[in-house]
Amino acid sequence: MSRINSLCTLQFSGLNGIRAIAAIAVVISHITLSFRDIGLDPYIFGSYDDGRIRTLDLAGYGVSMFFSLSGFLITYLLFKEKEINSINIKKFYVRRILRIWPLYYAYLFLCLAIYFIFNVYFSLKSSLYYLFYSANIPFVIGGTLPFLAHFWSLAVEEQFYMFWPWINKLRIKQITIFSILGVILLIGTKTYLHIFRPDAILEQFIHVTRFHCMMIGALGAVVFYNKSSFILKIATNKTIQFISWGIMFLVMINGYHIASFIDNEILTVITVVIILGQITKTSPLSLENNYFDFLGKISYGIYVIHPLLIFLYSKILHSITAFDTLNYLIVYSMILGTTILLSHLSYKYFESKFLKL
C-alpha cells in the first residue's frame, strides 16, 4: 500500500511550471476579454482578421499543453501501477473523483447561486451537460453557461479517463499502437474535414475534444518509461530543446502560427519535448523553482474559479477610466492576485481534505 501511495504523490521536476504558465495565461486572456465590461479597451493585444478580440494565444494553446501533460502523467502512473499489480480501475476512478469532483461541483453550484443573486440568464437545459461532465457539447453547438464555458476542457479529460485506464490494461506495445493509430485517425479526419468539409461540426468536436493530444502525451510517457534511447536522445538534444523553447516563446508573444488547423497538435508535440527536457534535467530552461511549484500545485483552482472572480470584479471596477495603462495593470493584478489567493485557500482547506483520502 505504501508503494501505491508513493505513486499517487509522484512528482517530476519542472512540470508544475508548465501547469503554472498555462493556467496564468488562461486567466490573463479571460481578463482581457472582460475589459469592455470593466470600462477598458479590450483590444490591447490587437484583433484577428475577422474583428474578434485577440488575447494571449498561449491561453488557447495552454489547454493543449494541459492535455499533453495529463496524458503523459496518467499513462506513466498507470505503467508504474502495473509494476506492483494489475491496474485497479475502481481505485483509479476514486482517485480521479476525489481530485476533480469536489471543486468542480462546489464551483458549479456556486455559479448557479450567483445566477439567481445577480439575475443572470442561463439555460436550464444546458446545465444538465455540466452536471454530467459533457460541457464540451454546448461549447461546440452553443449554449454554454455563464462563468462555466471553460469547463469544456474538464469534461474532455473526464471523458478520456472513461476509457484510458482500460486501454492501459493492455501490453505497452499494444498501447503504443493504439495511441499512434488514434492520433493518425483523429488528425487525419480533422485534416480531411478542414479541407473538404470546412463547416462540418465533427471537425469542431475533434478540435475541442482533442483526445489525440492526450494520446501524444501518452506516447511521451511510453518513450520515457521504456527509456527509448533513440527518441530520448533526439528530444533531449540541446538544439531540439532550444528550438522547442523558441517556439514556446513565440506562442507567449502571439508570434506562433504554422497551420491553423494543426497548430495545437504541433504545440502538443513541442510540449512533450519540453516535458522530457524538464524531467531528465536536460532542458536549457528549468521550470523547477518554488514560485512555479506553488502556482502549479494550485493551477486546478486557478483554472476553475477565475471566471466568477472576473465577473464579480467587473461589478466593482466598471467605473475605471478607460485607456489608462495603469488601470490595466491594476485590473490584471487585482484579479490575478485574488484568484491565486483563493486557489491557495481552496487547495489548503478544501481540496487537500479529499486528496488525503
Protein backbone atom coordinates (compact mmCIF):
# COMPACT_ATOMS: atom_id res chain seq x y z
CA MET A 1 0.00 0.00 0.00
CA SER A 2 2.83 2.43 0.78
CA ARG A 3 4.26 1.94 -2.71
CA ILE A 4 0.87 2.71 -4.25
CA ASN A 5 0.60 5.84 -2.11
CA SER A 6 4.03 6.92 -3.29
CA LEU A 7 2.86 6.63 -6.90
CA CYS A 8 -0.11 8.87 -6.20
CA THR A 9 2.25 11.60 -4.96
CA LEU A 10 4.88 11.10 -7.70
CA GLN A 11 6.38 14.43 -8.72
CA PHE A 12 8.51 15.20 -11.76
CA SER A 13 10.72 18.27 -11.73
CA GLY A 14 9.54 21.26 -13.74
CA LEU A 15 6.06 20.03 -14.62
CA ASN A 16 4.34 22.34 -12.15
CA GLY A 17 5.96 25.15 -14.11
CA ILE A 18 4.15 24.05 -17.28
CA ARG A 19 0.86 23.95 -15.35
CA ALA A 20 1.52 27.41 -13.90
CA ILE A 21 2.35 29.04 -17.25
CA ALA A 22 -0.72 27.59 -18.96
CA ALA A 23 -3.11 28.46 -16.11
CA ILE A 24 -1.92 32.07 -15.72
CA ALA A 25 -2.14 32.60 -19.49
CA VAL A 26 -5.78 31.46 -19.45
CA VAL A 27 -6.63 33.87 -16.64
CA ILE A 28 -4.92 36.82 -18.35
CA SER A 29 -6.77 36.09 -21.59
CA HIS A 30 -10.16 35.86 -19.91
CA ILE A 31 -9.50 39.11 -18.01
CA THR A 32 -8.67 40.79 -21.32
CA LEU A 33 -11.94 39.58 -22.86
CA SER A 34 -13.82 41.17 -19.94
CA PHE A 35 -12.23 44.63 -20.28
CA ARG A 36 -15.22 46.06 -22.11
CA ASP A 37 -17.45 45.22 -19.11
CA ILE A 38 -14.94 46.92 -16.82
CA GLY A 39 -14.63 50.03 -18.96
CA LEU A 40 -11.30 49.36 -20.62
CA ASP A 41 -10.35 48.84 -24.25
CA PRO A 42 -10.18 45.05 -24.81
CA TYR A 43 -8.04 45.31 -27.96
CA ILE A 44 -4.70 45.78 -26.19
CA PHE A 45 -3.39 42.63 -27.93
CA GLY A 46 -4.96 43.66 -31.23
CA SER A 47 -7.63 41.76 -33.15
CA TYR A 48 -7.96 38.89 -35.61
CA ASP A 49 -8.79 39.43 -39.28
CA ASP A 50 -12.47 38.81 -38.56
CA GLY A 51 -12.51 41.52 -35.86
CA ARG A 52 -12.51 39.21 -32.83
CA ILE A 53 -10.63 40.39 -29.76
CA ARG A 54 -7.16 38.90 -29.58
CA THR A 55 -5.79 37.84 -26.21
CA LEU A 56 -2.76 35.75 -25.31
CA ASP A 57 -2.61 32.93 -27.87
CA LEU A 58 -0.89 30.91 -25.16
CA ALA A 59 -4.24 30.57 -23.38
CA GLY A 60 -5.85 28.65 -26.22
CA TYR A 61 -2.77 26.51 -26.67
CA GLY A 62 -2.43 26.22 -22.89
CA VAL A 63 -5.30 23.74 -22.79
CA SER A 64 -3.46 21.54 -25.29
CA MET A 65 -0.43 21.77 -23.00
CA PHE A 66 -2.62 20.62 -20.10
CA PHE A 67 -3.98 17.75 -22.20
CA SER A 68 -0.49 16.65 -23.21
CA LEU A 69 0.73 16.79 -19.62
CA SER A 70 -2.33 14.94 -18.38
CA GLY A 71 -1.90 12.17 -20.95
CA PHE A 72 1.76 11.82 -20.01
CA LEU A 73 1.26 11.69 -16.25
CA ILE A 74 -1.82 9.45 -16.17
CA THR A 75 -0.21 6.95 -18.54
CA TYR A 76 3.11 6.90 -16.69
CA LEU A 77 1.36 6.41 -13.34
CA LEU A 78 -0.66 3.53 -14.75
CA PHE A 79 2.54 1.94 -16.06
CA LYS A 80 4.10 2.21 -12.60
CA GLU A 81 0.96 0.79 -11.00
CA LYS A 82 1.19 -2.26 -13.26
CA GLU A 83 4.68 -2.89 -11.90
CA ILE A 84 3.11 -3.51 -8.49
CA ASN A 85 -0.10 -5.24 -9.52
CA SER A 86 -2.74 -5.07 -12.20
CA ILE A 87 -4.47 -1.72 -12.65
CA ASN A 88 -7.29 -1.28 -10.17
CA ILE A 89 -9.90 0.51 -12.27
CA LYS A 90 -12.16 1.24 -9.31
CA LYS A 91 -9.38 2.90 -7.33
CA PHE A 92 -8.30 4.83 -10.42
CA TYR A 93 -11.76 6.39 -10.71
CA VAL A 94 -11.95 7.04 -6.96
CA ARG A 95 -8.65 8.94 -7.16
CA ARG A 96 -9.87 10.98 -10.13
CA ILE A 97 -13.20 11.72 -8.44
CA LEU A 98 -11.52 12.88 -5.23
CA ARG A 99 -9.17 15.13 -7.23
CA ILE A 100 -11.62 16.68 -9.69
CA TRP A 101 -15.20 16.48 -8.45
CA PRO A 102 -15.20 18.40 -5.13
CA LEU A 103 -14.03 21.74 -6.54
CA TYR A 104 -15.83 21.16 -9.84
CA TYR A 105 -19.26 20.77 -8.23
CA ALA A 106 -18.62 23.34 -5.50
CA TYR A 107 -17.87 25.94 -8.17
CA LEU A 108 -20.76 24.77 -10.38
CA PHE A 109 -23.35 25.18 -7.61
CA LEU A 110 -21.82 28.49 -6.55
CA CYS A 111 -22.29 29.76 -10.12
CA LEU A 112 -25.91 28.60 -10.12
CA ALA A 113 -26.45 30.60 -6.91
CA ILE A 114 -24.80 33.67 -8.48
CA TYR A 115 -27.18 33.41 -11.45
CA PHE A 116 -30.13 33.90 -9.11
CA ILE A 117 -28.47 36.57 -6.95
CA PHE A 118 -27.50 38.74 -9.94
CA ASN A 119 -30.38 37.69 -12.17
CA VAL A 120 -28.03 36.23 -14.80
CA TYR A 121 -29.77 34.37 -17.61
CA PHE A 122 -28.78 30.74 -18.09
CA SER A 123 -30.15 27.73 -19.93
CA LEU A 124 -31.54 25.10 -17.57
CA LYS A 125 -31.19 22.53 -20.37
CA SER A 126 -27.50 23.32 -20.80
CA SER A 127 -26.89 22.91 -17.08
CA LEU A 128 -27.50 19.17 -17.46
CA TYR A 129 -24.41 18.91 -19.65
CA TYR A 130 -22.34 20.43 -16.87
CA LEU A 131 -23.80 18.15 -14.22
CA PHE A 132 -22.69 15.10 -16.20
CA TYR A 133 -19.29 16.24 -17.48
CA SER A 134 -20.40 16.97 -21.02
CA ALA A 135 -19.64 20.70 -21.13
CA ASN A 136 -17.72 20.25 -24.39
CA ILE A 137 -21.04 19.65 -26.17
CA PRO A 138 -22.61 23.11 -25.54
CA PHE A 139 -19.15 24.60 -26.10
CA VAL A 140 -19.30 23.29 -29.69
CA ILE A 141 -23.00 23.62 -30.51
CA GLY A 142 -23.69 26.74 -28.42
CA GLY A 143 -25.45 27.33 -25.12
CA THR A 144 -22.55 27.49 -22.65
CA LEU A 145 -23.39 28.65 -19.13
CA PRO A 146 -22.01 31.97 -17.85
CA PHE A 147 -18.69 31.62 -15.95
CA LEU A 148 -18.63 27.91 -16.87
CA ALA A 149 -17.68 27.80 -20.55
CA HIS A 150 -14.13 26.77 -19.61
CA PHE A 151 -15.45 23.55 -18.07
CA TRP A 152 -15.37 22.05 -21.57
CA SER A 153 -11.74 21.01 -21.01
CA LEU A 154 -12.55 19.29 -17.71
CA ALA A 155 -15.31 17.37 -19.46
CA VAL A 156 -12.86 16.26 -22.15
CA GLU A 157 -10.39 14.98 -19.56
CA GLU A 158 -13.09 13.05 -17.67
CA GLN A 159 -14.31 11.51 -20.93
CA PHE A 160 -10.76 10.46 -21.76
CA TYR A 161 -10.44 8.83 -18.35
CA MET A 162 -13.56 6.77 -19.06
CA PHE A 163 -11.66 4.52 -21.47
CA TRP A 164 -7.94 5.20 -20.99
CA PRO A 165 -7.27 3.05 -17.88
CA TRP A 166 -8.93 0.13 -19.69
CA ILE A 167 -6.60 0.64 -22.66
CA ASN A 168 -3.67 0.66 -20.24
CA LYS A 169 -4.51 -2.87 -19.13
CA LEU A 170 -3.02 -3.94 -22.47
CA ARG A 171 0.69 -4.52 -23.05
CA ILE A 172 2.78 -1.42 -23.67
CA LYS A 173 3.30 -2.35 -27.33
CA GLN A 174 -0.46 -2.57 -27.83
CA ILE A 175 -0.97 0.75 -26.02
CA THR A 176 1.63 2.33 -28.29
CA ILE A 177 -0.05 1.02 -31.45
CA PHE A 178 -3.49 2.13 -30.21
CA SER A 179 -2.18 5.63 -29.44
CA ILE A 180 -0.38 6.03 -32.77
CA LEU A 181 -3.43 4.85 -34.72
CA GLY A 182 -5.71 7.08 -32.62
CA VAL A 183 -3.53 10.13 -33.29
CA ILE A 184 -3.34 9.39 -37.03
CA LEU A 185 -7.08 8.73 -37.31
CA LEU A 186 -8.19 11.85 -35.43
CA ILE A 187 -5.70 14.25 -37.01
CA GLY A 188 -6.32 12.70 -40.44
CA THR A 189 -10.09 13.03 -40.09
CA LYS A 190 -9.76 16.59 -38.82
CA THR A 191 -7.47 17.50 -41.75
CA TYR A 192 -9.79 15.91 -44.32
CA LEU A 193 -12.81 17.73 -42.93
CA HIS A 194 -10.93 21.03 -42.77
CA ILE A 195 -10.02 20.78 -46.45
CA PHE A 196 -13.12 19.16 -47.96
CA ARG A 197 -15.91 19.82 -45.40
CA PRO A 198 -14.83 23.03 -43.65
CA ASP A 199 -18.21 23.60 -41.99
CA ALA A 200 -18.56 20.09 -40.58
CA ILE A 201 -19.37 20.08 -36.89
CA LEU A 202 -17.33 16.88 -36.49
CA GLU A 203 -14.15 18.86 -37.15
CA GLN A 204 -15.06 21.17 -34.27
CA PHE A 205 -15.74 18.23 -31.97
CA ILE A 206 -12.37 16.69 -32.78
CA HIS A 207 -10.64 20.04 -32.33
CA VAL A 208 -12.32 20.66 -28.98
CA THR A 209 -12.19 17.13 -27.60
CA ARG A 210 -8.53 16.58 -28.55
CA PHE A 211 -8.17 13.03 -27.31
CA HIS A 212 -5.26 12.80 -29.74
CA CYS A 213 -3.39 15.49 -27.78
CA MET A 214 -3.63 13.34 -24.65
CA MET A 215 -2.52 10.30 -26.66
CA ILE A 216 0.52 12.26 -27.85
CA GLY A 217 1.28 12.90 -24.18
CA ALA A 218 0.78 9.18 -23.52
CA LEU A 219 3.31 8.34 -26.24
CA GLY A 220 5.75 10.61 -24.43
CA ALA A 221 5.17 8.50 -21.31
CA VAL A 222 5.88 5.33 -23.34
CA VAL A 223 9.18 6.81 -24.55
CA PHE A 224 10.23 7.84 -21.05
CA TYR A 225 9.08 4.65 -19.33
CA ASN A 226 10.75 2.38 -21.90
CA LYS A 227 13.88 4.56 -21.84
CA SER A 228 13.71 4.66 -25.64
CA SER A 229 17.27 5.89 -26.07
CA PHE A 230 16.99 6.99 -29.71
CA ILE A 231 13.88 9.14 -29.27
CA LEU A 232 15.00 10.41 -25.86
CA LYS A 233 18.36 11.38 -27.33
CA ILE A 234 16.60 13.45 -30.00
CA ALA A 235 14.02 15.01 -27.64
CA THR A 236 16.59 15.98 -25.01
CA ASN A 237 19.17 17.22 -27.50
CA LYS A 238 20.20 20.79 -26.59
CA THR A 239 19.36 22.13 -30.05
CA ILE A 240 15.92 20.49 -30.07
CA GLN A 241 15.25 21.84 -26.59
CA PHE A 242 16.29 25.37 -27.65
CA ILE A 243 14.05 25.18 -30.73
CA SER A 244 11.14 23.93 -28.61
CA TRP A 245 11.52 26.76 -26.14
CA GLY A 246 11.90 29.20 -29.04
CA ILE A 247 8.52 28.07 -30.39
CA MET A 248 7.04 28.33 -26.90
CA PHE A 249 8.41 31.89 -26.63
CA LEU A 250 6.72 32.76 -29.94
CA VAL A 251 3.47 31.41 -28.54
CA MET A 252 3.88 33.59 -25.45
CA ILE A 253 4.27 36.75 -27.55
CA ASN A 254 1.49 35.80 -30.01
CA GLY A 255 4.04 35.15 -32.74
CA TYR A 256 3.38 31.45 -33.36
CA HIS A 257 1.47 30.24 -36.39
CA ILE A 258 2.21 27.34 -38.75
CA ALA A 259 -1.11 25.94 -39.98
CA SER A 260 -4.20 26.97 -38.05
CA PHE A 261 -5.97 23.62 -38.05
CA ILE A 262 -2.96 21.69 -36.66
CA ASP A 263 -1.22 24.39 -34.59
CA ASN A 264 -2.46 22.80 -31.36
CA GLU A 265 -1.22 19.37 -32.39
CA ILE A 266 2.24 20.72 -33.24
CA LEU A 267 2.42 22.53 -29.93
CA THR A 268 1.36 19.35 -28.13
CA VAL A 269 4.43 17.59 -29.55
CA ILE A 270 6.55 20.57 -28.51
CA THR A 271 5.10 20.29 -25.01
CA VAL A 272 6.08 16.61 -24.81
CA VAL A 273 9.63 17.54 -25.82
CA ILE A 274 9.69 20.21 -23.09
CA ILE A 275 8.27 17.72 -20.56
CA LEU A 276 11.04 15.24 -21.38
CA GLY A 277 13.62 18.00 -21.11
CA GLN A 278 12.33 19.00 -17.67
CA ILE A 279 12.13 15.55 -16.11
CA THR A 280 15.52 14.45 -17.49
CA LYS A 281 17.01 17.82 -16.43
CA THR A 282 18.46 18.37 -19.91
CA SER A 283 16.43 21.49 -20.67
CA PRO A 284 18.33 24.77 -21.03
CA LEU A 285 15.48 26.42 -19.09
CA SER A 286 14.45 24.75 -15.86
CA LEU A 287 10.96 25.42 -14.51
CA GLU A 288 11.81 23.90 -11.15
CA ASN A 289 11.51 26.68 -8.57
CA ASN A 290 9.35 27.48 -5.56
CA TYR A 291 7.16 30.02 -7.37
CA PHE A 292 6.25 27.73 -10.26
CA ASP A 293 5.84 24.83 -7.86
CA PHE A 294 3.38 26.83 -5.76
CA LEU A 295 1.35 28.02 -8.76
CA GLY A 296 1.42 24.59 -10.39
CA LYS A 297 0.02 22.88 -7.32
CA ILE A 298 -2.96 25.25 -7.21
CA SER A 299 -3.34 25.54 -11.00
CA TYR A 300 -6.55 23.49 -11.00
CA GLY A 301 -8.16 26.00 -8.63
CA ILE A 302 -6.79 28.92 -10.66
CA TYR A 303 -8.32 27.48 -13.82
CA VAL A 304 -11.68 26.66 -12.23
CA ILE A 305 -12.55 29.74 -10.18
CA HIS A 306 -11.21 32.71 -12.13
CA PRO A 307 -14.22 33.45 -14.44
CA LEU A 308 -16.53 34.11 -11.50
CA LEU A 309 -13.97 36.45 -9.92
CA ILE A 310 -13.69 38.34 -13.22
CA PHE A 311 -17.46 38.79 -13.23
CA LEU A 312 -17.58 39.99 -9.62
CA TYR A 313 -14.69 42.41 -10.15
CA SER A 314 -16.38 43.78 -13.27
CA LYS A 315 -19.25 44.84 -10.99
CA ILE A 316 -16.80 46.71 -8.78
CA LEU A 317 -14.39 48.12 -11.36
CA HIS A 318 -16.74 49.17 -14.18
CA SER A 319 -16.21 52.87 -13.37
CA ILE A 320 -12.46 52.76 -14.06
CA THR A 321 -11.36 55.34 -16.63
CA ALA A 322 -10.66 53.69 -19.96
CA PHE A 323 -7.35 53.65 -21.86
CA ASP A 324 -5.16 54.33 -18.82
CA THR A 325 -2.18 51.95 -18.79
CA LEU A 326 -2.07 51.89 -15.02
CA ASN A 327 -5.68 50.73 -14.86
CA TYR A 328 -4.84 47.67 -16.97
CA LEU A 329 -2.08 46.74 -14.54
CA ILE A 330 -4.39 47.30 -11.57
CA VAL A 331 -7.12 45.07 -13.02
CA TYR A 332 -4.73 42.28 -14.01
CA SER A 333 -3.03 42.42 -10.59
CA MET A 334 -6.24 42.50 -8.55
CA ILE A 335 -7.98 39.64 -10.34
CA LEU A 336 -4.86 37.50 -10.66
CA GLY A 337 -3.90 38.12 -7.04
CA THR A 338 -7.36 37.27 -5.73
CA THR A 339 -7.54 34.17 -7.94
CA ILE A 340 -4.20 32.90 -6.66
CA LEU A 341 -5.12 33.64 -3.03
CA LEU A 342 -8.49 31.88 -3.21
CA SER A 343 -6.99 28.96 -5.14
CA HIS A 344 -4.38 28.56 -2.41
CA LEU A 345 -7.04 28.62 0.30
CA SER A 346 -9.18 26.17 -1.69
CA TYR A 347 -6.25 23.79 -2.10
CA LYS A 348 -5.16 24.03 1.53
CA TYR A 349 -8.52 23.91 3.30
CA PHE A 350 -10.83 22.18 0.82
CA GLU A 351 -9.19 20.16 -1.95
CA SER A 352 -6.42 18.73 0.25
CA LYS A 353 -9.03 17.13 2.52
CA PHE A 354 -10.14 14.97 -0.38
CA LEU A 355 -6.62 14.41 -1.70
CA LYS A 356 -5.62 12.87 1.65
CA LEU A 357 -8.26 10.22 1.11
